[in-house]
Amino acid sequence: MTTHVAVMVLGSGIGGSTVAAILARQGVSAGIVDAARHPRFALGEPTLGETSFLLRMLAARRDVPELAQVSTSGGTREHASRRCGIKTNFGFGPGA
């Protein structure tokens, strides 16, 4: 079977998945390809506070409520998976 899409998104991380969701909501057929298995992280695991804010902003501006649903741990538990929790620590080590 052959599938035709208007846009191919390379990478299924948070950026690629967000772009594909926005395109799909706007009626653009989009496909996602990734070299690795998706998802590589638990949903929300690699997310910073700024990213959560941007997801909520994009959800409102682009009419993609699903992005807002996964911008908080409570929303992710309710709408995506109960197998997640609140991130309690995030830090950076000294550079090499």
PDB file of N, CA and C in Angstrom:
ATOM      1  N   MET A   1       0.831  -1.164   0.000  1.00  0.00           N
ATOM      2  CA  MET A   1       0.000   0.000   0.000  1.00  0.00           C
ATOM      3  C   MET A   1       0.891   1.249   0.000  1.00  0.00           C
ATOM      4  N   THR A   2       0.550   2.218  -0.802  1.00  0.00           N
ATOM      5  CA  THR A   2       1.288   3.465  -0.882  1.00  0.00           C
ATOM      6  C   THR A   2       0.492   4.576  -0.209  1.00  0.00           C
ATOM      7  N   THR A   3       1.171   5.364   0.605  1.00  0.00           N
ATOM      8  CA  THR A   3       0.545   6.499   1.281  1.00  0.00           C
ATOM      9  C   THR A   3       1.225   7.774   0.820  1.00  0.00           C
ATOM     10  N   HIS A   4       0.435   8.774   0.473  1.00  0.00           N
ATOM     11  CA  HIS A   4       0.968  10.063   0.052  1.00  0.00           C
ATOM     12  C   HIS A   4       0.676  11.098   1.128  1.00  0.00           C
ATOM     13  N   VAL A   5       1.677  11.882   1.477  1.00  0.00           N
ATOM     14  CA  VAL A   5       1.504  12.955   2.448  1.00  0.00           C
ATOM     15  C   VAL A   5       2.067  14.245   1.857  1.00  0.00           C
ATOM     16  N   ALA A   6       1.556  15.375   2.324  1.00  0.00           N
ATOM     17  CA  ALA A   6       2.037  16.674   1.847  1.00  0.00           C
ATOM     18  C   ALA A   6       3.371  17.045   2.474  1.00  0.00           C
ATOM     19  N   VAL A   7       3.574  16.642   3.741  1.00  0.00           N
ATOM     20  CA  VAL A   7       4.795  17.007   4.474  1.00  0.00           C
ATOM     21  C   VAL A   7       5.319  15.782   5.210  1.00  0.00           C
ATOM     22  N   MET A   8       6.625  15.547   5.096  1.00  0.00           N
ATOM     23  CA  MET A   8       7.288  14.512   5.881  1.00  0.00           C
ATOM     24  C   MET A   8       8.106  15.203   6.952  1.00  0.00           C
ATOM     25  N   VAL A   9       7.884  14.851   8.202  1.00  0.00           N
ATOM     26  CA  VAL A   9       8.614  15.415   9.329  1.00  0.00           C
ATOM     27  C   VAL A   9       9.700  14.419   9.709  1.00  0.00           C
ATOM     28  N   LEU A  10      10.926  14.909   9.796  1.00  0.00           N
ATOM     29  CA  LEU A  10      12.050  14.052  10.167  1.00  0.00           C
ATOM     30  C   LEU A  10      12.301  14.195  11.661  1.00  0.00           C
ATOM     31  N   GLY A  11      12.067  13.120  12.394  1.00  0.00           N
ATOM     32  CA  GLY A  11      12.270  13.112  13.834  1.00  0.00           C
ATOM     33  C   GLY A  11      10.958  13.135  14.584  1.00  0.00           C
ATOM     34  N   SER A  12      10.811  12.198  15.515  1.00  0.00           N
ATOM     35  CA  SER A  12       9.555  12.079  16.265  1.00  0.00           C
ATOM     36  C   SER A  12       9.691  12.576  17.696  1.00  0.00           C
ATOM     37  N   GLY A  13      10.711  13.381  17.947  1.00  0.00           N
ATOM     38  CA  GLY A  13      10.863  13.969  19.277  1.00  0.00           C
ATOM     39  C   GLY A  13       9.788  15.015  19.522  1.00  0.00           C
ATOM     40  N   ILE A  14       9.961  15.787  20.566  1.00  0.00           N
ATOM     41  CA  ILE A  14       8.933  16.752  20.931  1.00  0.00           C
ATOM     42  C   ILE A  14       8.718  17.790  19.818  1.00  0.00           C
ATOM     43  N   GLY A  15       9.789  18.215  19.148  1.00  0.00           N
ATOM     44  CA  GLY A  15       9.659  19.189  18.065  1.00  0.00           C
ATOM     45  C   GLY A  15       8.922  18.621  16.864  1.00  0.00           C
ATOM     46  N   GLY A  16       9.366  17.466  16.388  1.00  0.00           N
ATOM     47  CA  GLY A  16       8.735  16.849  15.219  1.00  0.00           C
ATOM     48  C   GLY A  16       7.293  16.459  15.478  1.00  0.00           C
ATOM     49  N   SER A  17       7.024  15.901  16.639  1.00  0.00           N
ATOM     50  CA  SER A  17       5.663  15.507  16.980  1.00  0.00           C
ATOM     51  C   SER A  17       4.743  16.721  17.098  1.00  0.00           C
ATOM     52  N   THR A  18       5.272  17.819  17.658  1.00  0.00           N
ATOM     53  CA  THR A  18       4.481  19.044  17.785  1.00  0.00           C
ATOM     54  C   THR A  18       4.152  19.617  16.415  1.00  0.00           C
ATOM     55  N   VAL A  19       5.144  19.695  15.537  1.00  0.00           N
ATOM     56  CA  VAL A  19       4.914  20.216  14.186  1.00  0.00           C
ATOM     57  C   VAL A  19       3.895  19.357  13.444  1.00  0.00           C
ATOM     58  N   ALA A  20       4.027  18.037  13.526  1.00  0.00           N
ATOM     59  CA  ALA A  20       3.090  17.146  12.846  1.00  0.00           C
ATOM     60  C   ALA A  20       1.671  17.306  13.375  1.00  0.00           C
ATOM     61  N   ALA A  21       1.527  17.480  14.695  1.00  0.00           N
ATOM     62  CA  ALA A  21       0.194  17.672  15.284  1.00  0.00           C
ATOM     63  C   ALA A  21      -0.436  18.978  14.801  1.00  0.00           C
ATOM     64  N   ILE A  22       0.372  20.045  14.745  1.00  0.00           N
ATOM     65  CA  ILE A  22      -0.145  21.333  14.263  1.00  0.00           C
ATOM     66  C   ILE A  22      -0.551  21.233  12.804  1.00  0.00           C
ATOM     67  N   LEU A  23       0.291  20.626  11.978  1.00  0.00           N
ATOM     68  CA  LEU A  23      -0.041  20.468  10.557  1.00  0.00           C
ATOM     69  C   LEU A  23      -1.321  19.657  10.372  1.00  0.00           C
ATOM     70  N   ALA A  24      -1.423  18.561  11.096  1.00  0.00           N
ATOM     71  CA  ALA A  24      -2.607  17.710  10.975  1.00  0.00           C
ATOM     72  C   ALA A  24      -3.871  18.462  11.373  1.00  0.00           C
ATOM     73  N   ARG A  25      -3.812  19.250  12.448  1.00  0.00           N
ATOM     74  CA  ARG A  25      -4.969  20.016  12.898  1.00  0.00           C
ATOM     75  C   ARG A  25      -5.386  21.037  11.840  1.00  0.00           C
ATOM     76  N   GLN A  26      -4.415  21.538  11.060  1.00  0.00           N
ATOM     77  CA  GLN A  26      -4.698  22.508  10.008  1.00  0.00           C
ATOM     78  C   GLN A  26      -5.085  21.847   8.688  1.00  0.00           C
ATOM     79  N   GLY A  27      -5.232  20.525   8.711  1.00  0.00           N
ATOM     80  CA  GLY A  27      -5.686  19.811   7.524  1.00  0.00           C
ATOM     81  C   GLY A  27      -4.595  19.412   6.551  1.00  0.00           C
ATOM     82  N   VAL A  28      -3.348  19.537   6.957  1.00  0.00           N
ATOM     83  CA  VAL A  28      -2.225  19.153   6.109  1.00  0.00           C
ATOM     84  C   VAL A  28      -1.842  17.719   6.439  1.00  0.00           C
ATOM     85  N   SER A  29      -1.784  16.869   5.432  1.00  0.00           N
ATOM     86  CA  SER A  29      -1.399  15.480   5.701  1.00  0.00           C
ATOM     87  C   SER A  29       0.100  15.437   5.977  1.00  0.00           C
ATOM     88  N   ALA A  30       0.451  14.842   7.100  1.00  0.00           N
ATOM     89  CA  ALA A  30       1.852  14.803   7.526  1.00  0.00           C
ATOM     90  C   ALA A  30       2.216  13.405   7.987  1.00  0.00           C
ATOM     91  N   GLY A  31       3.430  13.010   7.680  1.00  0.00           N
ATOM     92  CA  GLY A  31       3.975  11.749   8.160  1.00  0.00           C
ATOM     93  C   GLY A  31       5.222  12.033   8.977  1.00  0.00           C
ATOM     94  N   ILE A  32       5.554  11.116   9.868  1.00  0.00           N
ATOM     95  CA  ILE A  32       6.749  11.265  10.701  1.00  0.00           C
ATOM     96  C   ILE A  32       7.632  10.042  10.496  1.00  0.00           C
ATOM     97  N   VAL A  33       8.917  10.283  10.281  1.00  0.00           N
ATOM     98  CA  VAL A  33       9.888   9.190  10.229  1.00  0.00           C
ATOM     99  C   VAL A  33      10.976   9.477  11.254  1.00  0.00           C
ATOM    100  N   ASP A  34      11.496   8.410  11.837  1.00  0.00           N
ATOM    101  CA  ASP A  34      12.544   8.550  12.839  1.00  0.00           C
ATOM    102  C   ASP A  34      13.442   7.333  12.758  1.00  0.00           C
ATOM    103  N   ALA A  35      14.709   7.534  13.002  1.00  0.00           N
ATOM    104  CA  ALA A  35      15.660   6.425  12.956  1.00  0.00           C
ATOM    105  C   ALA A  35      15.524   5.500  14.155  1.00  0.00           C
ATOM    106  N   ALA A  36      14.946   6.012  15.242  1.00  0.00           N
ATOM    107  CA  ALA A  36      14.837   5.229  16.475  1.00  0.00           C
ATOM    108  C   ALA A  36      13.380   4.883  16.763  1.00  0.00           C
ATOM    109  N   ARG A  37      13.179   4.113  17.800  1.00  0.00           N
ATOM    110  CA  ARG A  37      11.845   3.737  18.244  1.00  0.00           C
ATOM    111  C   ARG A  37      11.185   4.929  18.936  1.00  0.00           C
ATOM    112  N   HIS A  38       9.900   5.109  18.723  1.00  0.00           N
ATOM    113  CA  HIS A  38       9.170   6.224  19.332  1.00  0.00           C
ATOM    114  C   HIS A  38       8.194   5.693  20.359  1.00  0.00           C
ATOM    115  N   PRO A  39       8.008   6.298  21.495  1.00  0.00           N
ATOM    116  CA  PRO A  39       8.816   7.415  21.999  1.00  0.00           C
ATOM    117  C   PRO A  39      10.106   6.921  22.626  1.00  0.00           C
ATOM    118  N   ARG A  40      11.131   7.745  22.527  1.00  0.00           N
ATOM    119  CA  ARG A  40      12.423   7.384  23.127  1.00  0.00           C
ATOM    120  C   ARG A  40      12.413   7.629  24.628  1.00  0.00           C
ATOM    121  N   PHE A  41      11.626   8.596  25.077  1.00  0.00           N
ATOM    122  CA  PHE A  41      11.498   8.922  26.486  1.00  0.00           C
ATOM    123  C   PHE A  41      10.051   8.687  26.903  1.00  0.00           C
ATOM    124  N   ALA A  42       9.830   8.633  28.184  1.00  0.00           N
ATOM    125  CA  ALA A  42       8.453   8.677  28.673  1.00  0.00           C
ATOM    126  C   ALA A  42       7.924  10.066  28.361  1.00  0.00           C
ATOM    127  N   LEU A  43       6.657  10.164  28.029  1.00  0.00           N
ATOM    128  CA  LEU A  43       6.068  11.444  27.670  1.00  0.00           C
ATOM    129  C   LEU A  43       6.283  12.446  28.791  1.00  0.00           C
ATOM    130  N   GLY A  44       6.862  13.592  28.459  1.00  0.00           N
ATOM    131  CA  GLY A  44       7.121  14.626  29.438  1.00  0.00           C
ATOM    132  C   GLY A  44       8.455  14.516  30.149  1.00  0.00           C
ATOM    133  N   GLU A  45       9.135  13.400  30.024  1.00  0.00           N
ATOM    134  CA  GLU A  45      10.394  13.202  30.747  1.00  0.00           C
ATOM    135  C   GLU A  45      11.446  14.255  30.398  1.00  0.00           C
ATOM    136  N   PRO A  46      11.678  14.551  29.106  1.00  0.00           N
ATOM    137  CA  PRO A  46      12.729  15.511  28.795  1.00  0.00           C
ATOM    138  C   PRO A  46      12.240  16.961  28.744  1.00  0.00           C
ATOM    139  N   THR A  47      11.082  17.254  29.310  1.00  0.00           N
ATOM    140  CA  THR A  47      10.462  18.555  29.155  1.00  0.00           C
ATOM    141  C   THR A  47      10.848  19.532  30.268  1.00  0.00           C
ATOM    142  N   LEU A  48      11.291  20.711  29.877  1.00  0.00           N
ATOM    143  CA  LEU A  48      11.585  21.793  30.808  1.00  0.00           C
ATOM    144  C   LEU A  48      10.333  22.639  31.015  1.00  0.00           C
ATOM    145  N   GLY A  49      10.330  23.481  32.030  1.00  0.00           N
ATOM    146  CA  GLY A  49       9.204  24.367  32.283  1.00  0.00           C
ATOM    147  C   GLY A  49       8.889  25.267  31.096  1.00  0.00           C
ATOM    148  N   GLU A  50       9.933  25.777  30.443  1.00  0.00           N
ATOM    149  CA  GLU A  50       9.730  26.641  29.280  1.00  0.00           C
ATOM    150  C   GLU A  50       9.044  25.887  28.146  1.00  0.00           C
ATOM    151  N   THR A  51       9.388  24.622  27.981  1.00  0.00           N
ATOM    152  CA  THR A  51       8.766  23.816  26.936  1.00  0.00           C
ATOM    153  C   THR A  51       7.288  23.624  27.232  1.00  0.00           C
ATOM    154  N   SER A  52       6.944  23.375  28.481  1.00  0.00           N
ATOM    155  CA  SER A  52       5.540  23.226  28.862  1.00  0.00           C
ATOM    156  C   SER A  52       4.762  24.496  28.561  1.00  0.00           C
ATOM    157  N   PHE A  53       5.358  25.654  28.867  1.00  0.00           N
ATOM    158  CA  PHE A  53       4.721  26.937  28.564  1.00  0.00           C
ATOM    159  C   PHE A  53       4.505  27.086  27.060  1.00  0.00           C
ATOM    160  N   LEU A  54       5.530  26.764  26.262  1.00  0.00           N
ATOM    161  CA  LEU A  54       5.408  26.886  24.810  1.00  0.00           C
ATOM    162  C   LEU A  54       4.359  25.929  24.251  1.00  0.00           C
ATOM    163  N   LEU A  55       4.248  24.731  24.810  1.00  0.00           N
ATOM    164  CA  LEU A  55       3.212  23.803  24.353  1.00  0.00           C
ATOM    165  C   LEU A  55       1.819  24.382  24.589  1.00  0.00           C
ATOM    166  N   ARG A  56       1.604  24.989  25.762  1.00  0.00           N
ATOM    167  CA  ARG A  56       0.306  25.605  26.047  1.00  0.00           C
ATOM    168  C   ARG A  56       0.042  26.788  25.119  1.00  0.00           C
ATOM    169  N   MET A  57       1.071  27.579  24.837  1.00  0.00           N
ATOM    170  CA  MET A  57       0.926  28.716  23.937  1.00  0.00           C
ATOM    171  C   MET A  57       0.593  28.242  22.521  1.00  0.00           C
ATOM    172  N   LEU A  58       1.317  27.238  22.028  1.00  0.00           N
ATOM    173  CA  LEU A  58       1.035  26.700  20.694  1.00  0.00           C
ATOM    174  C   LEU A  58      -0.353  26.073  20.629  1.00  0.00           C
ATOM    175  N   ALA A  59      -0.759  25.408  21.701  1.00  0.00           N
ATOM    176  CA  ALA A  59      -2.093  24.804  21.741  1.00  0.00           C
ATOM    177  C   ALA A  59      -3.158  25.867  21.529  1.00  0.00           C
ATOM    178  N   ALA A  60      -3.009  27.014  22.181  1.00  0.00           N
ATOM    179  CA  ALA A  60      -3.989  28.093  22.063  1.00  0.00           C
ATOM    180  C   ALA A  60      -3.903  28.783  20.702  1.00  0.00           C
ATOM    181  N   ARG A  61      -2.710  29.093  20.257  1.00  0.00           N
ATOM    182  CA  ARG A  61      -2.547  29.836  18.999  1.00  0.00           C
ATOM    183  C   ARG A  61      -2.899  29.017  17.769  1.00  0.00           C
ATOM    184  N   ARG A  62      -2.617  27.713  17.813  1.00  0.00           N
ATOM    185  CA  ARG A  62      -2.824  26.857  16.637  1.00  0.00           C
ATOM    186  C   ARG A  62      -4.027  25.930  16.771  1.00  0.00           C
ATOM    187  N   ASP A  63      -4.793  26.088  17.842  1.00  0.00           N
ATOM    188  CA  ASP A  63      -6.001  25.286  18.072  1.00  0.00           C
ATOM    189  C   ASP A  63      -5.692  23.790  18.070  1.00  0.00           C
ATOM    190  N   VAL A  64      -4.711  23.416  18.875  1.00  0.00           N
ATOM    191  CA  VAL A  64      -4.328  22.008  19.030  1.00  0.00           C
ATOM    192  C   VAL A  64      -4.375  21.688  20.525  1.00  0.00           C
ATOM    193  N   PRO A  65      -5.574  21.426  21.081  1.00  0.00           N
ATOM    194  CA  PRO A  65      -5.703  21.229  22.527  1.00  0.00           C
ATOM    195  C   PRO A  65      -4.889  20.054  23.057  1.00  0.00           C
ATOM    196  N   GLU A  66      -4.575  19.098  22.215  1.00  0.00           N
ATOM    197  CA  GLU A  66      -3.780  17.949  22.662  1.00  0.00           C
ATOM    198  C   GLU A  66      -2.417  18.383  23.192  1.00  0.00           C
ATOM    199  N   LEU A  67      -1.866  19.466  22.645  1.00  0.00           N
ATOM    200  CA  LEU A  67      -0.567  19.942  23.129  1.00  0.00           C
ATOM    201  C   LEU A  67      -0.669  20.450  24.559  1.00  0.00           C
ATOM    202  N   ALA A  68      -1.752  21.133  24.882  1.00  0.00           N
ATOM    203  CA  ALA A  68      -1.947  21.613  26.254  1.00  0.00           C
ATOM    204  C   ALA A  68      -2.161  20.444  27.205  1.00  0.00           C
ATOM    205  N   GLN A  69      -2.808  19.397  26.725  1.00  0.00           N
ATOM    206  CA  GLN A  69      -3.100  18.246  27.581  1.00  0.00           C
ATOM    207  C   GLN A  69      -1.833  17.556  28.065  1.00  0.00           C
ATOM    208  N   VAL A  70      -0.762  17.609  27.269  1.00  0.00           N
ATOM    209  CA  VAL A  70       0.483  16.945  27.674  1.00  0.00           C
ATOM    210  C   VAL A  70       1.529  17.942  28.168  1.00  0.00           C
ATOM    211  N   SER A  71       1.109  19.175  28.476  1.00  0.00           N
ATOM    212  CA  SER A  71       2.061  20.174  28.957  1.00  0.00           C
ATOM    213  C   SER A  71       2.241  20.135  30.471  1.00  0.00           C
ATOM    214  N   THR A  72       1.425  19.361  31.161  1.00  0.00           N
ATOM    215  CA  THR A  72       1.550  19.201  32.612  1.00  0.00           C
ATOM    216  C   THR A  72       1.517  17.719  32.956  1.00  0.00           C
ATOM    217  N   SER A  73       2.062  17.359  34.107  1.00  0.00           N
ATOM    218  CA  SER A  73       2.048  15.951  34.493  1.00  0.00           C
ATOM    219  C   SER A  73       0.611  15.471  34.726  1.00  0.00           C
ATOM    220  N   GLY A  74      -0.234  16.324  35.307  1.00  0.00           N
ATOM    221  CA  GLY A  74      -1.630  15.943  35.533  1.00  0.00           C
ATOM    222  C   GLY A  74      -2.376  15.735  34.232  1.00  0.00           C
ATOM    223  N   GLY A  75      -2.157  16.617  33.272  1.00  0.00           N
ATOM    224  CA  GLY A  75      -2.800  16.479  31.969  1.00  0.00           C
ATOM    225  C   GLY A  75      -2.322  15.240  31.237  1.00  0.00           C
ATOM    226  N   THR A  76      -1.026  14.961  31.334  1.00  0.00           N
ATOM    227  CA  THR A  76      -0.484  13.764  30.696  1.00  0.00           C
ATOM    228  C   THR A  76      -1.081  12.511  31.322  1.00  0.00           C
ATOM    229  N   ARG A  77      -1.169  12.482  32.668  1.00  0.00           N
ATOM    230  CA  ARG A  77      -1.770  11.323  33.342  1.00  0.00           C
ATOM    231  C   ARG A  77      -3.225  11.139  32.921  1.00  0.00           C
ATOM    232  N   GLU A  78      -3.965  12.236  32.815  1.00  0.00           N
ATOM    233  CA  GLU A  78      -5.385  12.148  32.493  1.00  0.00           C
ATOM    234  C   GLU A  78      -5.643  11.790  31.033  1.00  0.00           C
ATOM    235  N   HIS A  79      -4.855  12.346  30.104  1.00  0.00           N
ATOM    236  CA  HIS A  79      -5.163  12.213  28.681  1.00  0.00           C
ATOM    237  C   HIS A  79      -4.264  11.257  27.906  1.00  0.00           C
ATOM    238  N   ALA A  80      -3.071  10.960  28.434  1.00  0.00           N
ATOM    239  CA  ALA A  80      -2.142  10.130  27.656  1.00  0.00           C
ATOM    240  C   ALA A  80      -1.787   8.829  28.356  1.00  0.00           C
ATOM    241  N   SER A  81      -1.292   8.909  29.573  1.00  0.00           N
ATOM    242  CA  SER A  81      -0.848   7.701  30.264  1.00  0.00           C
ATOM    243  C   SER A  81      -0.804   7.932  31.765  1.00  0.00           C
ATOM    244  N   ARG A  82      -1.299   6.994  32.517  1.00  0.00           N
ATOM    245  CA  ARG A  82      -1.220   7.082  33.978  1.00  0.00           C
ATOM    246  C   ARG A  82       0.159   6.655  34.484  1.00  0.00           C
ATOM    247  N   ARG A  83       1.006   6.207  33.572  1.00  0.00           N
ATOM    248  CA  ARG A  83       2.347   5.743  33.953  1.00  0.00           C
ATOM    249  C   ARG A  83       3.364   6.874  33.893  1.00  0.00           C
ATOM    250  N   CYS A  84       3.031   8.024  34.418  1.00  0.00           N
ATOM    251  CA  CYS A  84       3.968   9.140  34.464  1.00  0.00           C
ATOM    252  C   CYS A  84       3.826   9.836  35.799  1.00  0.00           C
ATOM    253  N   GLY A  85       4.776  10.677  36.096  1.00  0.00           N
ATOM    254  CA  GLY A  85       4.740  11.387  37.365  1.00  0.00           C
ATOM    255  C   GLY A  85       5.333  12.767  37.232  1.00  0.00           C
ATOM    256  N   ILE A  86       5.426  13.441  38.332  1.00  0.00           N
ATOM    257  CA  ILE A  86       5.979  14.789  38.351  1.00  0.00           C
ATOM    258  C   ILE A  86       7.499  14.698  38.401  1.00  0.00           C
ATOM    259  N   LYS A  87       8.141  15.446  37.525  1.00  0.00           N
ATOM    260  CA  LYS A  87       9.603  15.474  37.524  1.00  0.00           C
ATOM    261  C   LYS A  87      10.060  16.210  38.778  1.00  0.00           C
ATOM    262  N   THR A  88      10.949  15.606  39.525  1.00  0.00           N
ATOM    263  CA  THR A  88      11.381  16.213  40.782  1.00  0.00           C
ATOM    264  C   THR A  88      12.759  16.848  40.703  1.00  0.00           C
ATOM    265  N   ASN A  89      13.512  16.592  39.639  1.00  0.00           N
ATOM    266  CA  ASN A  89      14.851  17.142  39.561  1.00  0.00           C
ATOM    267  C   ASN A  89      15.281  17.246  38.110  1.00  0.00           C
ATOM    268  N   PHE A  90      15.986  18.323  37.804  1.00  0.00           N
ATOM    269  CA  PHE A  90      16.604  18.479  36.487  1.00  0.00           C
ATOM    270  C   PHE A  90      17.840  19.328  36.693  1.00  0.00           C
ATOM    271  N   GLY A  91      18.969  18.893  36.188  1.00  0.00           N
ATOM    272  CA  GLY A  91      20.184  19.660  36.378  1.00  0.00           C
ATOM    273  C   GLY A  91      21.189  19.421  35.262  1.00  0.00           C
ATOM    274  N   PHE A  92      22.200  20.243  35.255  1.00  0.00           N
ATOM    275  CA  PHE A  92      23.266  20.117  34.288  1.00  0.00           C
ATOM    276  C   PHE A  92      24.578  19.928  35.035  1.00  0.00           C
ATOM    277  N   GLY A  93      25.409  19.049  34.507  1.00  0.00           N
ATOM    278  CA  GLY A  93      26.726  18.839  35.100  1.00  0.00           C
ATOM    279  C   GLY A  93      27.736  19.787  34.477  1.00  0.00           C
ATOM    280  N   PRO A  94      28.934  19.859  35.035  1.00  0.00           N
ATOM    281  CA  PRO A  94      29.968  20.729  34.477  1.00  0.00           C
ATOM    282  C   PRO A  94      30.377  20.273  33.083  1.00  0.00           C
ATOM    283  N   GLY A  95      30.670  21.224  32.225  1.00  0.00           N
ATOM    284  CA  GLY A  95      31.087  20.912  30.847  1.00  0.00           C
ATOM    285  C   GLY A  95      32.453  20.282  30.798  1.00  0.00           C
ATOM    286  N   ALA A  96      32.728  19.635  29.695  1.00  0.00           N
ATOM    287  CA  ALA A  96      34.024  18.970  29.533  1.00  0.00           C
ATOM    288  C   ALA A  96      35.096  19.954  29.141  1.00  0.00           C
TER     289      ALA A  96
END
